[in-house]
Amino acid sequence: MCNKGSSSPARRSLVSSPLPGNSLEFDLDEVDATHRGCHRFVPRHPGELAIEISDPIYVEVEEDDLWCEGINLRTKHRGIFPTAYATDLSILDDGSFSQFSTRLFL
């Protein structure tokens, strides 16, 4: 059974940024996924984030070059990955996407 109110060190999952100059820490128990993995991404360079289909991802930064920086909440690793490998969950929350896709196939 999971006790969400517990703040003991054994129950908390903290992620610390490996990027130089960024010393932010996140309590992963308090972070919700903003994106979901829609394709498998295999890192080829240091600092890239491995993604499997349906992985919950918290995206911190979306850059103009179509890469994101974020945390894979399943693996608790932080890194960068191409934007095309994750779906923004806010698109699914507003309802307009589901209405559009229903009309598309009717």
PDB file of N, CA and C in Angstrom:
ATOM      1  N   MET A   1       0.842  -1.168   0.000  1.00  0.00           N
ATOM      2  CA  MET A   1       0.000   0.000   0.000  1.00  0.00           C
ATOM      3  C   MET A   1       0.891   1.235   0.000  1.00  0.00           C
ATOM      4  N   CYS A   2       0.514   2.233  -0.775  1.00  0.00           N
ATOM      5  CA  CYS A   2       1.316   3.444  -0.904  1.00  0.00           C
ATOM      6  C   CYS A   2       0.795   4.515   0.034  1.00  0.00           C
ATOM      7  N   ASN A   3       1.666   5.103   0.814  1.00  0.00           N
ATOM      8  CA  ASN A   3       1.301   6.190   1.718  1.00  0.00           C
ATOM      9  C   ASN A   3       1.827   7.486   1.136  1.00  0.00           C
ATOM     10  N   LYS A   4       0.938   8.270   0.498  1.00  0.00           N
ATOM     11  CA  LYS A   4       1.375   9.493  -0.168  1.00  0.00           C
ATOM     12  C   LYS A   4       1.841  10.557   0.815  1.00  0.00           C
ATOM     13  N   GLY A   5       1.372  10.511   2.046  1.00  0.00           N
ATOM     14  CA  GLY A   5       1.746  11.519   3.021  1.00  0.00           C
ATOM     15  C   GLY A   5       3.123  11.288   3.620  1.00  0.00           C
ATOM     16  N   SER A   6       3.720  10.169   3.357  1.00  0.00           N
ATOM     17  CA  SER A   6       5.015   9.835   3.933  1.00  0.00           C
ATOM     18  C   SER A   6       6.116  10.676   3.315  1.00  0.00           C
ATOM     19  N   SER A   7       6.961  11.243   4.160  1.00  0.00           N
ATOM     20  CA  SER A   7       8.087  12.015   3.640  1.00  0.00           C
ATOM     21  C   SER A   7       9.408  11.433   4.115  1.00  0.00           C
ATOM     22  N   SER A   8       9.384  10.176   4.520  1.00  0.00           N
ATOM     23  CA  SER A   8      10.622   9.553   4.954  1.00  0.00           C
ATOM     24  C   SER A   8      11.555   9.408   3.760  1.00  0.00           C
ATOM     25  N   PRO A   9      12.866   9.479   3.983  1.00  0.00           N
ATOM     26  CA  PRO A   9      13.825   9.388   2.877  1.00  0.00           C
ATOM     27  C   PRO A   9      13.681   8.117   2.051  1.00  0.00           C
ATOM     28  N   ALA A  10      13.242   7.029   2.649  1.00  0.00           N
ATOM     29  CA  ALA A  10      13.114   5.784   1.911  1.00  0.00           C
ATOM     30  C   ALA A  10      11.950   5.829   0.929  1.00  0.00           C
ATOM     31  N   ARG A  11      10.929   6.645   1.189  1.00  0.00           N
ATOM     32  CA  ARG A  11       9.739   6.692   0.351  1.00  0.00           C
ATOM     33  C   ARG A  11       9.807   7.781  -0.714  1.00  0.00           C
ATOM     34  N   ARG A  12      10.722   8.726  -0.592  1.00  0.00           N
ATOM     35  CA  ARG A  12      10.779   9.839  -1.526  1.00  0.00           C
ATOM     36  C   ARG A  12      11.755   9.555  -2.649  1.00  0.00           C
ATOM     37  N   SER A  13      11.379   9.957  -3.848  1.00  0.00           N
ATOM     38  CA  SER A  13      12.240   9.794  -5.011  1.00  0.00           C
ATOM     39  C   SER A  13      12.648  11.175  -5.494  1.00  0.00           C
ATOM     40  N   LEU A  14      13.894  11.511  -5.334  1.00  0.00           N
ATOM     41  CA  LEU A  14      14.388  12.811  -5.779  1.00  0.00           C
ATOM     42  C   LEU A  14      15.251  12.635  -7.006  1.00  0.00           C
ATOM     43  N   VAL A  15      15.087  13.527  -7.960  1.00  0.00           N
ATOM     44  CA  VAL A  15      15.928  13.531  -9.148  1.00  0.00           C
ATOM     45  C   VAL A  15      16.712  14.815  -9.127  1.00  0.00           C
ATOM     46  N   SER A  16      17.984  14.708  -9.271  1.00  0.00           N
ATOM     47  CA  SER A  16      18.861  15.864  -9.310  1.00  0.00           C
ATOM     48  C   SER A  16      19.431  15.986 -10.709  1.00  0.00           C
ATOM     49  N   SER A  17      19.462  17.191 -11.238  1.00  0.00           N
ATOM     50  CA  SER A  17      19.887  17.393 -12.618  1.00  0.00           C
ATOM     51  C   SER A  17      21.364  17.108 -12.808  1.00  0.00           C
ATOM     52  N   PRO A  18      21.727  16.298 -13.830  1.00  0.00           N
ATOM     53  CA  PRO A  18      23.128  16.069 -14.128  1.00  0.00           C
ATOM     54  C   PRO A  18      23.713  17.169 -15.004  1.00  0.00           C
ATOM     55  N   LEU A  19      22.861  18.099 -15.450  1.00  0.00           N
ATOM     56  CA  LEU A  19      23.327  19.152 -16.336  1.00  0.00           C
ATOM     57  C   LEU A  19      24.088  20.209 -15.553  1.00  0.00           C
ATOM     58  N   PRO A  20      25.218  20.702 -16.077  1.00  0.00           N
ATOM     59  CA  PRO A  20      26.007  21.706 -15.374  1.00  0.00           C
ATOM     60  C   PRO A  20      25.201  22.972 -15.143  1.00  0.00           C
ATOM     61  N   GLY A  21      25.357  23.546 -13.949  1.00  0.00           N
ATOM     62  CA  GLY A  21      24.711  24.811 -13.632  1.00  0.00           C
ATOM     63  C   GLY A  21      23.247  24.686 -13.258  1.00  0.00           C
ATOM     64  N   ASN A  22      22.700  23.477 -13.212  1.00  0.00           N
ATOM     65  CA  ASN A  22      21.297  23.288 -12.878  1.00  0.00           C
ATOM     66  C   ASN A  22      21.224  22.348 -11.688  1.00  0.00           C
ATOM     67  N   SER A  23      20.942  22.899 -10.506  1.00  0.00           N
ATOM     68  CA  SER A  23      20.963  22.089  -9.296  1.00  0.00           C
ATOM     69  C   SER A  23      19.563  21.874  -8.741  1.00  0.00           C
ATOM     70  N   LEU A  24      18.528  21.988  -9.575  1.00  0.00           N
ATOM     71  CA  LEU A  24      17.164  21.795  -9.111  1.00  0.00           C
ATOM     72  C   LEU A  24      16.937  20.340  -8.735  1.00  0.00           C
ATOM     73  N   GLU A  25      16.104  20.131  -7.721  1.00  0.00           N
ATOM     74  CA  GLU A  25      15.708  18.786  -7.342  1.00  0.00           C
ATOM     75  C   GLU A  25      14.198  18.693  -7.430  1.00  0.00           C
ATOM     76  N   PHE A  26      13.679  17.546  -7.829  1.00  0.00           N
ATOM     77  CA  PHE A  26      12.255  17.315  -7.932  1.00  0.00           C
ATOM     78  C   PHE A  26      11.882  16.172  -7.011  1.00  0.00           C
ATOM     79  N   ASP A  27      10.764  16.311  -6.315  1.00  0.00           N
ATOM     80  CA  ASP A  27      10.182  15.203  -5.580  1.00  0.00           C
ATOM     81  C   ASP A  27       9.247  14.517  -6.564  1.00  0.00           C
ATOM     82  N   LEU A  28       9.630  13.363  -7.074  1.00  0.00           N
ATOM     83  CA  LEU A  28       8.867  12.702  -8.128  1.00  0.00           C
ATOM     84  C   LEU A  28       7.478  12.270  -7.679  1.00  0.00           C
ATOM     85  N   ASP A  29       7.243  12.193  -6.376  1.00  0.00           N
ATOM     86  CA  ASP A  29       5.914  11.866  -5.883  1.00  0.00           C
ATOM     87  C   ASP A  29       4.950  13.028  -6.103  1.00  0.00           C
ATOM     88  N   GLU A  30       5.469  14.230  -6.321  1.00  0.00           N
ATOM     89  CA  GLU A  30       4.630  15.417  -6.478  1.00  0.00           C
ATOM     90  C   GLU A  30       4.584  15.916  -7.918  1.00  0.00           C
ATOM     91  N   VAL A  31       5.197  15.208  -8.850  1.00  0.00           N
ATOM     92  CA  VAL A  31       5.255  15.634 -10.247  1.00  0.00           C
ATOM     93  C   VAL A  31       4.325  14.736 -11.073  1.00  0.00           C
ATOM     94  N   ASP A  32       3.465  15.372 -11.875  1.00  0.00           N
ATOM     95  CA  ASP A  32       2.583  14.624 -12.773  1.00  0.00           C
ATOM     96  C   ASP A  32       3.176  14.624 -14.175  1.00  0.00           C
ATOM     97  N   ALA A  33       2.874  13.591 -14.913  1.00  0.00           N
ATOM     98  CA  ALA A  33       3.344  13.497 -16.295  1.00  0.00           C
ATOM     99  C   ALA A  33       2.679  14.567 -17.144  1.00  0.00           C
ATOM    100  N   THR A  34       3.466  15.217 -17.986  1.00  0.00           N
ATOM    101  CA  THR A  34       2.932  16.184 -18.946  1.00  0.00           C
ATOM    102  C   THR A  34       2.851  15.566 -20.329  1.00  0.00           C
ATOM    103  N   HIS A  35       3.605  14.498 -20.549  1.00  0.00           N
ATOM    104  CA  HIS A  35       3.675  13.826 -21.843  1.00  0.00           C
ATOM    105  C   HIS A  35       3.671  12.315 -21.631  1.00  0.00           C
ATOM    106  N   ARG A  36       3.412  11.586 -22.706  1.00  0.00           N
ATOM    107  CA  ARG A  36       3.439  10.127 -22.671  1.00  0.00           C
ATOM    108  C   ARG A  36       4.249   9.651 -23.870  1.00  0.00           C
ATOM    109  N   GLY A  37       5.139   8.680 -23.655  1.00  0.00           N
ATOM    110  CA  GLY A  37       5.946   8.151 -24.752  1.00  0.00           C
ATOM    111  C   GLY A  37       5.070   7.505 -25.813  1.00  0.00           C
ATOM    112  N   CYS A  38       5.248   7.899 -27.066  1.00  0.00           N
ATOM    113  CA  CYS A  38       4.436   7.314 -28.146  1.00  0.00           C
ATOM    114  C   CYS A  38       5.294   6.487 -29.109  1.00  0.00           C
ATOM    115  N   HIS A  39       6.610   6.581 -28.984  1.00  0.00           N
ATOM    116  CA  HIS A  39       7.549   5.779 -29.774  1.00  0.00           C
ATOM    117  C   HIS A  39       8.731   5.430 -28.873  1.00  0.00           C
ATOM    118  N   ARG A  40       9.417   4.364 -29.180  1.00  0.00           N
ATOM    119  CA  ARG A  40      10.618   3.996 -28.446  1.00  0.00           C
ATOM    120  C   ARG A  40      11.775   4.866 -28.934  1.00  0.00           C
ATOM    121  N   PHE A  41      12.492   5.484 -28.001  1.00  0.00           N
ATOM    122  CA  PHE A  41      13.674   6.283 -28.333  1.00  0.00           C
ATOM    123  C   PHE A  41      14.872   5.675 -27.630  1.00  0.00           C
ATOM    124  N   VAL A  42      15.868   5.277 -28.402  1.00  0.00           N
ATOM    125  CA  VAL A  42      17.101   4.695 -27.859  1.00  0.00           C
ATOM    126  C   VAL A  42      18.179   5.764 -27.917  1.00  0.00           C
ATOM    127  N   PRO A  43      18.695   6.168 -26.761  1.00  0.00           N
ATOM    128  CA  PRO A  43      19.732   7.207 -26.733  1.00  0.00           C
ATOM    129  C   PRO A  43      20.988   6.785 -27.484  1.00  0.00           C
ATOM    130  N   ARG A  44      21.565   7.744 -28.204  1.00  0.00           N
ATOM    131  CA  ARG A  44      22.819   7.496 -28.922  1.00  0.00           C
ATOM    132  C   ARG A  44      23.965   8.326 -28.377  1.00  0.00           C
ATOM    133  N   HIS A  45      23.641   9.312 -27.541  1.00  0.00           N
ATOM    134  CA  HIS A  45      24.657  10.219 -26.998  1.00  0.00           C
ATOM    135  C   HIS A  45      24.409  10.420 -25.507  1.00  0.00           C
ATOM    136  N   PRO A  46      25.453  10.735 -24.751  1.00  0.00           N
ATOM    137  CA  PRO A  46      25.281  11.025 -23.323  1.00  0.00           C
ATOM    138  C   PRO A  46      24.304  12.187 -23.141  1.00  0.00           C
ATOM    139  N   GLY A  47      23.461  12.076 -22.138  1.00  0.00           N
ATOM    140  CA  GLY A  47      22.503  13.134 -21.848  1.00  0.00           C
ATOM    141  C   GLY A  47      21.154  12.942 -22.509  1.00  0.00           C
ATOM    142  N   GLU A  48      21.031  11.930 -23.380  1.00  0.00           N
ATOM    143  CA  GLU A  48      19.749  11.658 -24.006  1.00  0.00           C
ATOM    144  C   GLU A  48      18.933  10.710 -23.127  1.00  0.00           C
ATOM    145  N   LEU A  49      17.615  10.840 -23.194  1.00  0.00           N
ATOM    146  CA  LEU A  49      16.701  10.104 -22.326  1.00  0.00           C
ATOM    147  C   LEU A  49      16.062   8.935 -23.073  1.00  0.00           C
ATOM    148  N   ALA A  50      16.176   7.738 -22.526  1.00  0.00           N
ATOM    149  CA  ALA A  50      15.525   6.561 -23.114  1.00  0.00           C
ATOM    150  C   ALA A  50      14.027   6.641 -22.858  1.00  0.00           C
ATOM    151  N   ILE A  51      13.245   6.321 -23.899  1.00  0.00           N
ATOM    152  CA  ILE A  51      11.789   6.356 -23.791  1.00  0.00           C
ATOM    153  C   ILE A  51      11.223   5.068 -24.382  1.00  0.00           C
ATOM    154  N   GLU A  52      10.272   4.479 -23.679  1.00  0.00           N
ATOM    155  CA  GLU A  52       9.509   3.341 -24.175  1.00  0.00           C
ATOM    156  C   GLU A  52       8.070   3.808 -24.409  1.00  0.00           C
ATOM    157  N   ILE A  53       7.331   3.083 -25.227  1.00  0.00           N
ATOM    158  CA  ILE A  53       5.935   3.433 -25.477  1.00  0.00           C
ATOM    159  C   ILE A  53       5.163   3.431 -24.166  1.00  0.00           C
ATOM    160  N   SER A  54       4.405   4.471 -23.935  1.00  0.00           N
ATOM    161  CA  SER A  54       3.543   4.726 -22.771  1.00  0.00           C
ATOM    162  C   SER A  54       4.287   5.193 -21.519  1.00  0.00           C
ATOM    163  N   ASP A  55       5.593   5.440 -21.599  1.00  0.00           N
ATOM    164  CA  ASP A  55       6.312   5.981 -20.440  1.00  0.00           C
ATOM    165  C   ASP A  55       5.743   7.343 -20.048  1.00  0.00           C
ATOM    166  N   PRO A  56       5.503   7.563 -18.738  1.00  0.00           N
ATOM    167  CA  PRO A  56       5.093   8.891 -18.288  1.00  0.00           C
ATOM    168  C   PRO A  56       6.314   9.804 -18.246  1.00  0.00           C
ATOM    169  N   ILE A  57       6.195  10.992 -18.816  1.00  0.00           N
ATOM    170  CA  ILE A  57       7.328  11.907 -18.912  1.00  0.00           C
ATOM    171  C   ILE A  57       6.906  13.283 -18.415  1.00  0.00           C
ATOM    172  N   TYR A  58       7.750  13.891 -17.598  1.00  0.00           N
ATOM    173  CA  TYR A  58       7.552  15.269 -17.171  1.00  0.00           C
ATOM    174  C   TYR A  58       8.506  16.126 -17.995  1.00  0.00           C
ATOM    175  N   VAL A  59       7.962  16.959 -18.878  1.00  0.00           N
ATOM    176  CA  VAL A  59       8.784  17.812 -19.735  1.00  0.00           C
ATOM    177  C   VAL A  59       9.005  19.145 -19.047  1.00  0.00           C
ATOM    178  N   GLU A  60      10.280  19.499 -18.882  1.00  0.00           N
ATOM    179  CA  GLU A  60      10.652  20.768 -18.262  1.00  0.00           C
ATOM    180  C   GLU A  60      10.780  21.883 -19.290  1.00  0.00           C
ATOM    181  N   VAL A  61      11.375  21.551 -20.459  1.00  0.00           N
ATOM    182  CA  VAL A  61      11.645  22.557 -21.482  1.00  0.00           C
ATOM    183  C   VAL A  61      11.391  21.963 -22.865  1.00  0.00           C
ATOM    184  N   GLU A  62      10.664  22.702 -23.704  1.00  0.00           N
ATOM    185  CA  GLU A  62      10.515  22.344 -25.118  1.00  0.00           C
ATOM    186  C   GLU A  62      11.255  23.408 -25.920  1.00  0.00           C
ATOM    187  N   GLU A  63      12.278  22.995 -26.638  1.00  0.00           N
ATOM    188  CA  GLU A  63      13.107  23.932 -27.390  1.00  0.00           C
ATOM    189  C   GLU A  63      12.598  24.112 -28.821  1.00  0.00           C
ATOM    190  N   ASP A  64      13.020  25.190 -29.470  1.00  0.00           N
ATOM    191  CA  ASP A  64      12.632  25.480 -30.848  1.00  0.00           C
ATOM    192  C   ASP A  64      13.197  24.475 -31.844  1.00  0.00           C
ATOM    193  N   ASP A  65      14.257  23.762 -31.460  1.00  0.00           N
ATOM    194  CA  ASP A  65      14.870  22.788 -32.370  1.00  0.00           C
ATOM    195  C   ASP A  65      14.190  21.414 -32.319  1.00  0.00           C
ATOM    196  N   LEU A  66      12.989  21.367 -31.687  1.00  0.00           N
ATOM    197  CA  LEU A  66      12.167  20.159 -31.590  1.00  0.00           C
ATOM    198  C   LEU A  66      12.774  19.075 -30.694  1.00  0.00           C
ATOM    199  N   TRP A  67      13.552  19.490 -29.699  1.00  0.00           N
ATOM    200  CA  TRP A  67      14.034  18.601 -28.654  1.00  0.00           C
ATOM    201  C   TRP A  67      13.472  19.085 -27.326  1.00  0.00           C
ATOM    202  N   CYS A  68      13.242  18.152 -26.411  1.00  0.00           N
ATOM    203  CA  CYS A  68      12.732  18.462 -25.075  1.00  0.00           C
ATOM    204  C   CYS A  68      13.739  18.022 -24.024  1.00  0.00           C
ATOM    205  N   GLU A  69      13.669  18.676 -22.877  1.00  0.00           N
ATOM    206  CA  GLU A  69      14.414  18.229 -21.701  1.00  0.00           C
ATOM    207  C   GLU A  69      13.387  17.809 -20.670  1.00  0.00           C
ATOM    208  N   GLY A  70      13.536  16.612 -20.120  1.00  0.00           N
ATOM    209  CA  GLY A  70      12.553  16.152 -19.158  1.00  0.00           C
ATOM    210  C   GLY A  70      13.010  14.966 -18.344  1.00  0.00           C
ATOM    211  N   ILE A  71      12.067  14.433 -17.573  1.00  0.00           N
ATOM    212  CA  ILE A  71      12.315  13.308 -16.677  1.00  0.00           C
ATOM    213  C   ILE A  71      11.372  12.179 -17.046  1.00  0.00           C
ATOM    214  N   ASN A  72      11.920  10.987 -17.260  1.00  0.00           N
ATOM    215  CA  ASN A  72      11.106   9.807 -17.459  1.00  0.00           C
ATOM    216  C   ASN A  72      10.685   9.342 -16.063  1.00  0.00           C
ATOM    217  N   LEU A  73       9.413   9.452 -15.738  1.00  0.00           N
ATOM    218  CA  LEU A  73       8.943   9.138 -14.392  1.00  0.00           C
ATOM    219  C   LEU A  73       8.957   7.648 -14.095  1.00  0.00           C
ATOM    220  N   ARG A  74       9.042   6.805 -15.117  1.00  0.00           N
ATOM    221  CA  ARG A  74       9.157   5.366 -14.892  1.00  0.00           C
ATOM    222  C   ARG A  74      10.579   4.998 -14.466  1.00  0.00           C
ATOM    223  N   THR A  75      11.567   5.523 -15.186  1.00  0.00           N
ATOM    224  CA  THR A  75      12.964   5.174 -14.901  1.00  0.00           C
ATOM    225  C   THR A  75      13.635   6.138 -13.932  1.00  0.00           C
ATOM    226  N   LYS A  76      13.018   7.312 -13.738  1.00  0.00           N
ATOM    227  CA  LYS A  76      13.558   8.362 -12.870  1.00  0.00           C
ATOM    228  C   LYS A  76      14.872   8.942 -13.399  1.00  0.00           C
ATOM    229  N   HIS A  77      15.042   8.917 -14.736  1.00  0.00           N
ATOM    230  CA  HIS A  77      16.211   9.513 -15.373  1.00  0.00           C
ATOM    231  C   HIS A  77      15.813  10.809 -16.056  1.00  0.00           C
ATOM    232  N   ARG A  78      16.762  11.724 -16.148  1.00  0.00           N
ATOM    233  CA  ARG A  78      16.544  13.018 -16.804  1.00  0.00           C
ATOM    234  C   ARG A  78      17.434  13.091 -18.027  1.00  0.00           C
ATOM    235  N   GLY A  79      16.923  13.738 -19.080  1.00  0.00           N
ATOM    236  CA  GLY A  79      17.721  13.927 -20.277  1.00  0.00           C
ATOM    237  C   GLY A  79      16.931  14.631 -21.366  1.00  0.00           C
ATOM    238  N   ILE A  80      17.504  14.636 -22.551  1.00  0.00           N
ATOM    239  CA  ILE A  80      16.858  15.273 -23.697  1.00  0.00           C
ATOM    240  C   ILE A  80      16.392  14.202 -24.676  1.00  0.00           C
ATOM    241  N   PHE A  81      15.369  14.552 -25.463  1.00  0.00           N
ATOM    242  CA  PHE A  81      14.828  13.617 -26.436  1.00  0.00           C
ATOM    243  C   PHE A  81      14.072  14.400 -27.507  1.00  0.00           C
ATOM    244  N   PRO A  82      13.911  13.824 -28.700  1.00  0.00           N
ATOM    245  CA  PRO A  82      13.162  14.504 -29.760  1.00  0.00           C
ATOM    246  C   PRO A  82      11.678  14.634 -29.390  1.00  0.00           C
ATOM    247  N   THR A  83      11.105  15.780 -29.675  1.00  0.00           N
ATOM    248  CA  THR A  83       9.710  16.056 -29.350  1.00  0.00           C
ATOM    249  C   THR A  83       8.762  15.016 -29.942  1.00  0.00           C
ATOM    250  N   ALA A  84       9.067  14.502 -31.119  1.00  0.00           N
ATOM    251  CA  ALA A  84       8.179  13.564 -31.816  1.00  0.00           C
ATOM    252  C   ALA A  84       7.995  12.235 -31.083  1.00  0.00           C
ATOM    253  N   TYR A  85       8.805  11.955 -30.070  1.00  0.00           N
ATOM    254  CA  TYR A  85       8.729  10.679 -29.370  1.00  0.00           C
ATOM    255  C   TYR A  85       7.777  10.690 -28.181  1.00  0.00           C
ATOM    256  N   ALA A  86       7.144  11.845 -27.902  1.00  0.00           N
ATOM    257  CA  ALA A  86       6.217  11.943 -26.777  1.00  0.00           C
ATOM    258  C   ALA A  86       5.000  12.766 -27.168  1.00  0.00           C
ATOM    259  N   THR A  87       3.847  12.374 -26.641  1.00  0.00           N
ATOM    260  CA  THR A  87       2.592  13.079 -26.890  1.00  0.00           C
ATOM    261  C   THR A  87       2.277  13.978 -25.715  1.00  0.00           C
ATOM    262  N   ASP A  88       1.931  15.225 -26.011  1.00  0.00           N
ATOM    263  CA  ASP A  88       1.548  16.194 -24.984  1.00  0.00           C
ATOM    264  C   ASP A  88       0.168  15.814 -24.461  1.00  0.00           C
ATOM    265  N   LEU A  89       0.056  15.536 -23.156  1.00  0.00           N
ATOM    266  CA  LEU A  89      -1.205  15.095 -22.583  1.00  0.00           C
ATOM    267  C   LEU A  89      -2.242  16.210 -22.517  1.00  0.00           C
ATOM    268  N   SER A  90      -1.825  17.460 -22.577  1.00  0.00           N
ATOM    269  CA  SER A  90      -2.793  18.564 -22.526  1.00  0.00           C
ATOM    270  C   SER A  90      -3.678  18.572 -23.770  1.00  0.00           C
ATOM    271  N   ILE A  91      -3.216  18.027 -24.873  1.00  0.00           N
ATOM    272  CA  ILE A  91      -4.032  17.922 -26.086  1.00  0.00           C
ATOM    273  C   ILE A  91      -5.218  16.998 -25.833  1.00  0.00           C
ATOM    274  N   LEU A  92      -4.995  15.944 -25.071  1.00  0.00           N
ATOM    275  CA  LEU A  92      -6.055  14.987 -24.791  1.00  0.00           C
ATOM    276  C   LEU A  92      -7.017  15.499 -23.732  1.00  0.00           C
ATOM    277  N   ASP A  93      -6.570  16.415 -22.861  1.00  0.00           N
ATOM    278  CA  ASP A  93      -7.391  16.917 -21.763  1.00  0.00           C
ATOM    279  C   ASP A  93      -8.446  17.923 -22.198  1.00  0.00           C
ATOM    280  N   ASP A  94      -8.193  18.702 -23.237  1.00  0.00           N
ATOM    281  CA  ASP A  94      -9.118  19.779 -23.581  1.00  0.00           C
ATOM    282  C   ASP A  94     -10.349  19.311 -24.350  1.00  0.00           C
ATOM    283  N   GLY A  95     -10.390  18.067 -24.799  1.00  0.00           N
ATOM    284  CA  GLY A  95     -11.564  17.522 -25.458  1.00  0.00           C
ATOM    285  C   GLY A  95     -11.646  17.802 -26.944  1.00  0.00           C
ATOM    286  N   SER A  96     -10.959  18.811 -27.426  1.00  0.00           N
ATOM    287  CA  SER A  96     -11.052  19.154 -28.842  1.00  0.00           C
ATOM    288  C   SER A  96     -10.422  18.086 -29.720  1.00  0.00           C
ATOM    289  N   PHE A  97      -9.395  17.435 -29.237  1.00  0.00           N
ATOM    290  CA  PHE A  97      -8.734  16.390 -30.020  1.00  0.00           C
ATOM    291  C   PHE A  97      -9.675  15.212 -30.244  1.00  0.00           C
ATOM    292  N   SER A  98     -10.368  14.766 -29.180  1.00  0.00           N
ATOM    293  CA  SER A  98     -11.250  13.607 -29.330  1.00  0.00           C
ATOM    294  C   SER A  98     -12.432  13.931 -30.234  1.00  0.00           C
ATOM    295  N   GLN A  99     -12.958  15.157 -30.174  1.00  0.00           N
ATOM    296  CA  GLN A  99     -14.056  15.544 -31.064  1.00  0.00           C
ATOM    297  C   GLN A  99     -13.583  15.549 -32.510  1.00  0.00           C
ATOM    298  N   PHE A 100     -12.381  16.063 -32.744  1.00  0.00           N
ATOM    299  CA  PHE A 100     -11.830  16.116 -34.091  1.00  0.00           C
ATOM    300  C   PHE A 100     -11.618  14.713 -34.643  1.00  0.00           C
ATOM    301  N   SER A 101     -11.021  13.840 -33.845  1.00  0.00           N
ATOM    302  CA  SER A 101     -10.714  12.496 -34.348  1.00  0.00           C
ATOM    303  C   SER A 101     -11.988  11.697 -34.588  1.00  0.00           C
ATOM    304  N   THR A 102     -13.047  11.925 -33.814  1.00  0.00           N
ATOM    305  CA  THR A 102     -14.315  11.231 -34.025  1.00  0.00           C
ATOM    306  C   THR A 102     -14.912  11.664 -35.363  1.00  0.00           C
ATOM    307  N   ARG A 103     -14.908  12.965 -35.623  1.00  0.00           N
ATOM    308  CA  ARG A 103     -15.453  13.469 -36.870  1.00  0.00           C
ATOM    309  C   ARG A 103     -14.649  12.987 -38.072  1.00  0.00           C
ATOM    310  N   LEU A 104     -13.361  12.821 -37.871  1.00  0.00           N
ATOM    311  CA  LEU A 104     -12.498  12.404 -38.955  1.00  0.00           C
ATOM    312  C   LEU A 104     -12.865  11.027 -39.490  1.00  0.00           C
ATOM    313  N   PHE A 105     -13.288  10.132 -38.611  1.00  0.00           N
ATOM    314  CA  PHE A 105     -13.555   8.759 -39.005  1.00  0.00           C
ATOM    315  C   PHE A 105     -15.029   8.445 -39.226  1.00  0.00           C
ATOM    316  N   LEU A 106     -15.916   9.410 -39.050  1.00  0.00           N
ATOM    317  CA  LEU A 106     -17.357   9.143 -39.247  1.00  0.00           C
ATOM    318  C   LEU A 106     -17.789   9.394 -40.645  1.00  0.00           C
TER     319      LEU A 106
END
